[in-house]
Amino acid sequence: MNLLRVLRGKHTTKRKVLPYIPGTIGVSAVSEAIIRDYGRFVPRRIRRKIAKISGVPLKVYYNGPVIRG
């Protein structure tokens, strides 16, 4: 037997992860805020174009608490 295998012990497998089922995570706080501001979900690329045309700075959305130091 290989000496490293003997020293390492039993081979451990990765834990089994259930496959993702669409719709189980739910809506994030960021997407809710975007929908509230724009009326529907608008990708960042389009939001950047809207901000550039209107002259208003792009609003940045954060998910979870924001810690600024």
PDB file of N, CA and C in Angstrom:
ATOM      1  N   MET A   1       0.839  -1.200   0.000  1.00  0.00           N
ATOM      2  CA  MET A   1       0.000   0.000   0.000  1.00  0.00           C
ATOM      3  C   MET A   1       0.872   1.246   0.000  1.00  0.00           C
ATOM      4  N   ASN A   2       0.310   2.268  -0.515  1.00  0.00           N
ATOM      5  CA  ASN A   2       0.996   3.540  -0.534  1.00  0.00           C
ATOM      6  C   ASN A   2       1.059   4.113   0.886  1.00  0.00           C
ATOM      7  N   LEU A   3       2.219   4.561   1.281  1.00  0.00           N
ATOM      8  CA  LEU A   3       2.424   5.061   2.643  1.00  0.00           C
ATOM      9  C   LEU A   3       1.541   6.279   2.936  1.00  0.00           C
ATOM     10  N   LEU A   4       1.369   7.156   1.944  1.00  0.00           N
ATOM     11  CA  LEU A   4       0.535   8.342   2.160  1.00  0.00           C
ATOM     12  C   LEU A   4      -0.919   7.957   2.397  1.00  0.00           C
ATOM     13  N   ARG A   5      -1.388   6.952   1.690  1.00  0.00           N
ATOM     14  CA  ARG A   5      -2.763   6.516   1.896  1.00  0.00           C
ATOM     15  C   ARG A   5      -2.959   5.953   3.296  1.00  0.00           C
ATOM     16  N   VAL A   6      -1.995   5.255   3.760  1.00  0.00           N
ATOM     17  CA  VAL A   6      -2.079   4.671   5.099  1.00  0.00           C
ATOM     18  C   VAL A   6      -2.093   5.781   6.149  1.00  0.00           C
ATOM     19  N   LEU A   7      -1.250   6.786   5.973  1.00  0.00           N
ATOM     20  CA  LEU A   7      -1.180   7.875   6.945  1.00  0.00           C
ATOM     21  C   LEU A   7      -2.429   8.751   6.906  1.00  0.00           C
ATOM     22  N   ARG A   8      -2.983   8.940   5.722  1.00  0.00           N
ATOM     23  CA  ARG A   8      -4.130   9.822   5.560  1.00  0.00           C
ATOM     24  C   ARG A   8      -5.398   9.207   6.145  1.00  0.00           C
ATOM     25  N   GLY A   9      -5.526   7.918   6.107  1.00  0.00           N
ATOM     26  CA  GLY A   9      -6.714   7.273   6.650  1.00  0.00           C
ATOM     27  C   GLY A   9      -7.738   7.018   5.557  1.00  0.00           C
ATOM     28  N   LYS A  10      -8.987   6.914   5.965  1.00  0.00           N
ATOM     29  CA  LYS A  10     -10.053   6.612   5.018  1.00  0.00           C
ATOM     30  C   LYS A  10     -10.259   7.766   4.048  1.00  0.00           C
ATOM     31  N   HIS A  11     -10.661   7.422   2.863  1.00  0.00           N
ATOM     32  CA  HIS A  11     -10.961   8.441   1.858  1.00  0.00           C
ATOM     33  C   HIS A  11     -12.332   9.027   2.162  1.00  0.00           C
ATOM     34  N   THR A  12     -12.395  10.317   2.340  1.00  0.00           N
ATOM     35  CA  THR A  12     -13.679  10.952   2.614  1.00  0.00           C
ATOM     36  C   THR A  12     -14.237  11.534   1.328  1.00  0.00           C
ATOM     37  N   THR A  13     -15.520  11.369   1.127  1.00  0.00           N
ATOM     38  CA  THR A  13     -16.165  11.897  -0.066  1.00  0.00           C
ATOM     39  C   THR A  13     -16.781  13.245   0.258  1.00  0.00           C
ATOM     40  N   LYS A  14     -17.033  14.001  -0.772  1.00  0.00           N
ATOM     41  CA  LYS A  14     -17.706  15.284  -0.587  1.00  0.00           C
ATOM     42  C   LYS A  14     -19.123  15.020  -0.107  1.00  0.00           C
ATOM     43  N   ARG A  15     -19.621  15.925   0.711  1.00  0.00           N
ATOM     44  CA  ARG A  15     -20.986  15.720   1.187  1.00  0.00           C
ATOM     45  C   ARG A  15     -21.952  15.923   0.039  1.00  0.00           C
ATOM     46  N   LYS A  16     -23.041  15.238   0.111  1.00  0.00           N
ATOM     47  CA  LYS A  16     -24.045  15.312  -0.951  1.00  0.00           C
ATOM     48  C   LYS A  16     -24.812  16.621  -0.819  1.00  0.00           C
ATOM     49  N   VAL A  17     -24.906  17.357  -1.914  1.00  0.00           N
ATOM     50  CA  VAL A  17     -25.635  18.615  -1.944  1.00  0.00           C
ATOM     51  C   VAL A  17     -26.866  18.415  -2.816  1.00  0.00           C
ATOM     52  N   LEU A  18     -27.997  18.823  -2.296  1.00  0.00           N
ATOM     53  CA  LEU A  18     -29.219  18.678  -3.072  1.00  0.00           C
ATOM     54  C   LEU A  18     -29.181  19.597  -4.283  1.00  0.00           C
ATOM     55  N   PRO A  19     -29.736  19.169  -5.415  1.00  0.00           N
ATOM     56  CA  PRO A  19     -29.746  20.036  -6.596  1.00  0.00           C
ATOM     57  C   PRO A  19     -30.655  21.246  -6.371  1.00  0.00           C
ATOM     58  N   TYR A  20     -30.310  22.343  -7.050  1.00  0.00           N
ATOM     59  CA  TYR A  20     -31.085  23.581  -6.922  1.00  0.00           C
ATOM     60  C   TYR A  20     -32.453  23.410  -7.563  1.00  0.00           C
ATOM     61  N   ILE A  21     -33.484  23.801  -6.858  1.00  0.00           N
ATOM     62  CA  ILE A  21     -34.837  23.788  -7.384  1.00  0.00           C
ATOM     63  C   ILE A  21     -35.232  25.230  -7.633  1.00  0.00           C
ATOM     64  N   PRO A  22     -35.508  25.604  -8.902  1.00  0.00           N
ATOM     65  CA  PRO A  22     -35.839  27.001  -9.206  1.00  0.00           C
ATOM     66  C   PRO A  22     -37.014  27.504  -8.368  1.00  0.00           C
ATOM     67  N   GLY A  23     -36.866  28.723  -7.880  1.00  0.00           N
ATOM     68  CA  GLY A  23     -37.921  29.348  -7.102  1.00  0.00           C
ATOM     69  C   GLY A  23     -37.827  29.113  -5.605  1.00  0.00           C
ATOM     70  N   THR A  24     -36.843  28.352  -5.144  1.00  0.00           N
ATOM     71  CA  THR A  24     -36.751  28.061  -3.719  1.00  0.00           C
ATOM     72  C   THR A  24     -36.019  29.147  -2.945  1.00  0.00           C
ATOM     73  N   ILE A  25     -35.175  29.919  -3.598  1.00  0.00           N
ATOM     74  CA  ILE A  25     -34.409  30.950  -2.892  1.00  0.00           C
ATOM     75  C   ILE A  25     -35.287  32.156  -2.592  1.00  0.00           C
ATOM     76  N   GLY A  26     -36.128  32.539  -3.513  1.00  0.00           N
ATOM     77  CA  GLY A  26     -36.995  33.682  -3.310  1.00  0.00           C
ATOM     78  C   GLY A  26     -36.379  34.952  -3.872  1.00  0.00           C
ATOM     79  N   VAL A  27     -37.075  36.036  -3.709  1.00  0.00           N
ATOM     80  CA  VAL A  27     -36.650  37.316  -4.260  1.00  0.00           C
ATOM     81  C   VAL A  27     -35.669  37.974  -3.295  1.00  0.00           C
ATOM     82  N   SER A  28     -34.572  38.498  -3.841  1.00  0.00           N
ATOM     83  CA  SER A  28     -33.592  39.158  -2.984  1.00  0.00           C
ATOM     84  C   SER A  28     -34.022  40.590  -2.689  1.00  0.00           C
ATOM     85  N   ALA A  29     -33.408  41.160  -1.684  1.00  0.00           N
ATOM     86  CA  ALA A  29     -33.707  42.543  -1.318  1.00  0.00           C
ATOM     87  C   ALA A  29     -33.294  43.496  -2.430  1.00  0.00           C
ATOM     88  N   VAL A  30     -32.230  43.141  -3.151  1.00  0.00           N
ATOM     89  CA  VAL A  30     -31.757  43.996  -4.243  1.00  0.00           C
ATOM     90  C   VAL A  30     -32.771  44.026  -5.377  1.00  0.00           C
ATOM     91  N   SER A  31     -33.257  42.851  -5.792  1.00  0.00           N
ATOM     92  CA  SER A  31     -34.214  42.834  -6.894  1.00  0.00           C
ATOM     93  C   SER A  31     -35.520  43.507  -6.498  1.00  0.00           C
ATOM     94  N   GLU A  32     -35.927  43.386  -5.235  1.00  0.00           N
ATOM     95  CA  GLU A  32     -37.128  44.092  -4.777  1.00  0.00           C
ATOM     96  C   GLU A  32     -36.934  45.599  -4.863  1.00  0.00           C
ATOM     97  N   ALA A  33     -35.753  46.096  -4.489  1.00  0.00           N
ATOM     98  CA  ALA A  33     -35.487  47.533  -4.544  1.00  0.00           C
ATOM     99  C   ALA A  33     -35.447  48.031  -5.987  1.00  0.00           C
ATOM    100  N   ILE A  34     -34.862  47.230  -6.890  1.00  0.00           N
ATOM    101  CA  ILE A  34     -34.815  47.619  -8.304  1.00  0.00           C
ATOM    102  C   ILE A  34     -36.218  47.677  -8.879  1.00  0.00           C
ATOM    103  N   ILE A  35     -37.042  46.690  -8.569  1.00  0.00           N
ATOM    104  CA  ILE A  35     -38.422  46.676  -9.057  1.00  0.00           C
ATOM    105  C   ILE A  35     -39.186  47.870  -8.491  1.00  0.00           C
ATOM    106  N   ARG A  36     -38.938  48.204  -7.229  1.00  0.00           N
ATOM    107  CA  ARG A  36     -39.622  49.348  -6.607  1.00  0.00           C
ATOM    108  C   ARG A  36     -39.219  50.659  -7.292  1.00  0.00           C
ATOM    109  N   ASP A  37     -37.931  50.794  -7.677  1.00  0.00           N
ATOM    110  CA  ASP A  37     -37.457  52.038  -8.281  1.00  0.00           C
ATOM    111  C   ASP A  37     -37.789  52.155  -9.766  1.00  0.00           C
ATOM    112  N   TYR A  38     -37.740  51.048 -10.501  1.00  0.00           N
ATOM    113  CA  TYR A  38     -37.901  51.101 -11.953  1.00  0.00           C
ATOM    114  C   TYR A  38     -39.217  50.513 -12.455  1.00  0.00           C
ATOM    115  N   GLY A  39     -39.998  49.885 -11.590  1.00  0.00           N
ATOM    116  CA  GLY A  39     -41.263  49.309 -12.014  1.00  0.00           C
ATOM    117  C   GLY A  39     -41.143  47.861 -12.476  1.00  0.00           C
ATOM    118  N   ARG A  40     -39.981  47.438 -12.870  1.00  0.00           N
ATOM    119  CA  ARG A  40     -39.697  46.053 -13.246  1.00  0.00           C
ATOM    120  C   ARG A  40     -38.213  45.835 -13.071  1.00  0.00           C
ATOM    121  N   PHE A  41     -37.773  44.581 -13.171  1.00  0.00           N
ATOM    122  CA  PHE A  41     -36.353  44.316 -13.006  1.00  0.00           C
ATOM    123  C   PHE A  41     -35.603  44.801 -14.238  1.00  0.00           C
ATOM    124  N   VAL A  42     -34.637  45.680 -14.033  1.00  0.00           N
ATOM    125  CA  VAL A  42     -33.833  46.250 -15.113  1.00  0.00           C
ATOM    126  C   VAL A  42     -32.380  45.854 -14.863  1.00  0.00           C
ATOM    127  N   PRO A  43     -31.711  45.235 -15.848  1.00  0.00           N
ATOM    128  CA  PRO A  43     -30.310  44.854 -15.662  1.00  0.00           C
ATOM    129  C   PRO A  43     -29.411  46.069 -15.428  1.00  0.00           C
ATOM    130  N   ARG A  44     -28.267  45.828 -14.828  1.00  0.00           N
ATOM    131  CA  ARG A  44     -27.351  46.916 -14.473  1.00  0.00           C
ATOM    132  C   ARG A  44     -26.890  47.689 -15.700  1.00  0.00           C
ATOM    133  N   ARG A  45     -26.661  46.981 -16.798  1.00  0.00           N
ATOM    134  CA  ARG A  45     -26.204  47.642 -18.025  1.00  0.00           C
ATOM    135  C   ARG A  45     -27.213  48.701 -18.471  1.00  0.00           C
ATOM    136  N   ILE A  46     -28.491  48.371 -18.432  1.00  0.00           N
ATOM    137  CA  ILE A  46     -29.525  49.325 -18.844  1.00  0.00           C
ATOM    138  C   ILE A  46     -29.664  50.437 -17.812  1.00  0.00           C
ATOM    139  N   ARG A  47     -29.538  50.094 -16.525  1.00  0.00           N
ATOM    140  CA  ARG A  47     -29.603  51.142 -15.496  1.00  0.00           C
ATOM    141  C   ARG A  47     -28.459  52.132 -15.654  1.00  0.00           C
ATOM    142  N   ARG A  48     -27.284  51.643 -16.074  1.00  0.00           N
ATOM    143  CA  ARG A  48     -26.149  52.547 -16.314  1.00  0.00           C
ATOM    144  C   ARG A  48     -26.442  53.475 -17.486  1.00  0.00           C
ATOM    145  N   LYS A  49     -27.057  52.955 -18.545  1.00  0.00           N
ATOM    146  CA  LYS A  49     -27.408  53.802 -19.692  1.00  0.00           C
ATOM    147  C   LYS A  49     -28.432  54.856 -19.300  1.00  0.00           C
ATOM    148  N   ILE A  50     -29.431  54.454 -18.512  1.00  0.00           N
ATOM    149  CA  ILE A  50     -30.450  55.410 -18.061  1.00  0.00           C
ATOM    150  C   ILE A  50     -29.795  56.511 -17.226  1.00  0.00           C
ATOM    151  N   ALA A  51     -28.881  56.139 -16.339  1.00  0.00           N
ATOM    152  CA  ALA A  51     -28.201  57.127 -15.499  1.00  0.00           C
ATOM    153  C   ALA A  51     -27.344  58.062 -16.339  1.00  0.00           C
ATOM    154  N   LYS A  52     -26.694  57.534 -17.360  1.00  0.00           N
ATOM    155  CA  LYS A  52     -25.843  58.354 -18.210  1.00  0.00           C
ATOM    156  C   LYS A  52     -26.665  59.355 -19.021  1.00  0.00           C
ATOM    157  N   ILE A  53     -27.804  58.906 -19.542  1.00  0.00           N
ATOM    158  CA  ILE A  53     -28.662  59.787 -20.344  1.00  0.00           C
ATOM    159  C   ILE A  53     -29.300  60.861 -19.467  1.00  0.00           C
ATOM    160  N   SER A  54     -29.781  60.473 -18.276  1.00  0.00           N
ATOM    161  CA  SER A  54     -30.483  61.431 -17.423  1.00  0.00           C
ATOM    162  C   SER A  54     -29.536  62.333 -16.635  1.00  0.00           C
ATOM    163  N   GLY A  55     -28.257  61.956 -16.539  1.00  0.00           N
ATOM    164  CA  GLY A  55     -27.299  62.772 -15.811  1.00  0.00           C
ATOM    165  C   GLY A  55     -27.310  62.547 -14.312  1.00  0.00           C
ATOM    166  N   VAL A  56     -28.078  61.575 -13.858  1.00  0.00           N
ATOM    167  CA  VAL A  56     -28.156  61.251 -12.436  1.00  0.00           C
ATOM    168  C   VAL A  56     -27.168  60.119 -12.153  1.00  0.00           C
ATOM    169  N   PRO A  57     -26.423  60.174 -11.049  1.00  0.00           N
ATOM    170  CA  PRO A  57     -25.487  59.085 -10.744  1.00  0.00           C
ATOM    171  C   PRO A  57     -26.209  57.747 -10.582  1.00  0.00           C
ATOM    172  N   LEU A  58     -25.531  56.689 -10.945  1.00  0.00           N
ATOM    173  CA  LEU A  58     -26.092  55.347 -10.841  1.00  0.00           C
ATOM    174  C   LEU A  58     -26.282  54.982  -9.381  1.00  0.00           C
ATOM    175  N   LYS A  59     -27.477  54.531  -9.032  1.00  0.00           N
ATOM    176  CA  LYS A  59     -27.752  54.111  -7.662  1.00  0.00           C
ATOM    177  C   LYS A  59     -27.199  52.706  -7.478  1.00  0.00           C
ATOM    178  N   VAL A  60     -26.460  52.499  -6.401  1.00  0.00           N
ATOM    179  CA  VAL A  60     -25.852  51.207  -6.119  1.00  0.00           C
ATOM    180  C   VAL A  60     -26.727  50.476  -5.119  1.00  0.00           C
ATOM    181  N   TYR A  61     -27.036  49.222  -5.415  1.00  0.00           N
ATOM    182  CA  TYR A  61     -27.870  48.405  -4.540  1.00  0.00           C
ATOM    183  C   TYR A  61     -26.991  47.385  -3.839  1.00  0.00           C
ATOM    184  N   TYR A  62     -27.194  47.231  -2.523  1.00  0.00           N
ATOM    185  CA  TYR A  62     -26.440  46.269  -1.731  1.00  0.00           C
ATOM    186  C   TYR A  62     -27.391  45.249  -1.145  1.00  0.00           C
ATOM    187  N   ASN A  63     -26.930  44.008  -1.065  1.00  0.00           N
ATOM    188  CA  ASN A  63     -27.703  42.945  -0.454  1.00  0.00           C
ATOM    189  C   ASN A  63     -27.160  42.719   0.949  1.00  0.00           C
ATOM    190  N   GLY A  64     -27.980  42.932   1.948  1.00  0.00           N
ATOM    191  CA  GLY A  64     -27.551  42.750   3.329  1.00  0.00           C
ATOM    192  C   GLY A  64     -27.042  44.054   3.915  1.00  0.00           C
ATOM    193  N   PRO A  65     -26.533  43.985   5.135  1.00  0.00           N
ATOM    194  CA  PRO A  65     -26.050  45.208   5.787  1.00  0.00           C
ATOM    195  C   PRO A  65     -24.786  45.741   5.131  1.00  0.00           C
ATOM    196  N   VAL A  66     -24.708  47.037   5.016  1.00  0.00           N
ATOM    197  CA  VAL A  66     -23.556  47.683   4.408  1.00  0.00           C
ATOM    198  C   VAL A  66     -22.670  48.251   5.509  1.00  0.00           C
ATOM    199  N   ILE A  67     -21.421  47.830   5.548  1.00  0.00           N
ATOM    200  CA  ILE A  67     -20.481  48.313   6.544  1.00  0.00           C
ATOM    201  C   ILE A  67     -19.471  49.204   5.828  1.00  0.00           C
ATOM    202  N   ARG A  68     -19.497  50.459   6.159  1.00  0.00           N
ATOM    203  CA  ARG A  68     -18.571  51.402   5.519  1.00  0.00           C
ATOM    204  C   ARG A  68     -17.601  51.899   6.572  1.00  0.00           C
ATOM    205  N   GLY A  69     -16.329  51.848   6.231  1.00  0.00           N
ATOM    206  CA  GLY A  69     -15.320  52.226   7.226  1.00  0.00           C
ATOM    207  C   GLY A  69     -14.603  53.382   6.821  1.00  0.00           C
TER     208      GLY A  69
END
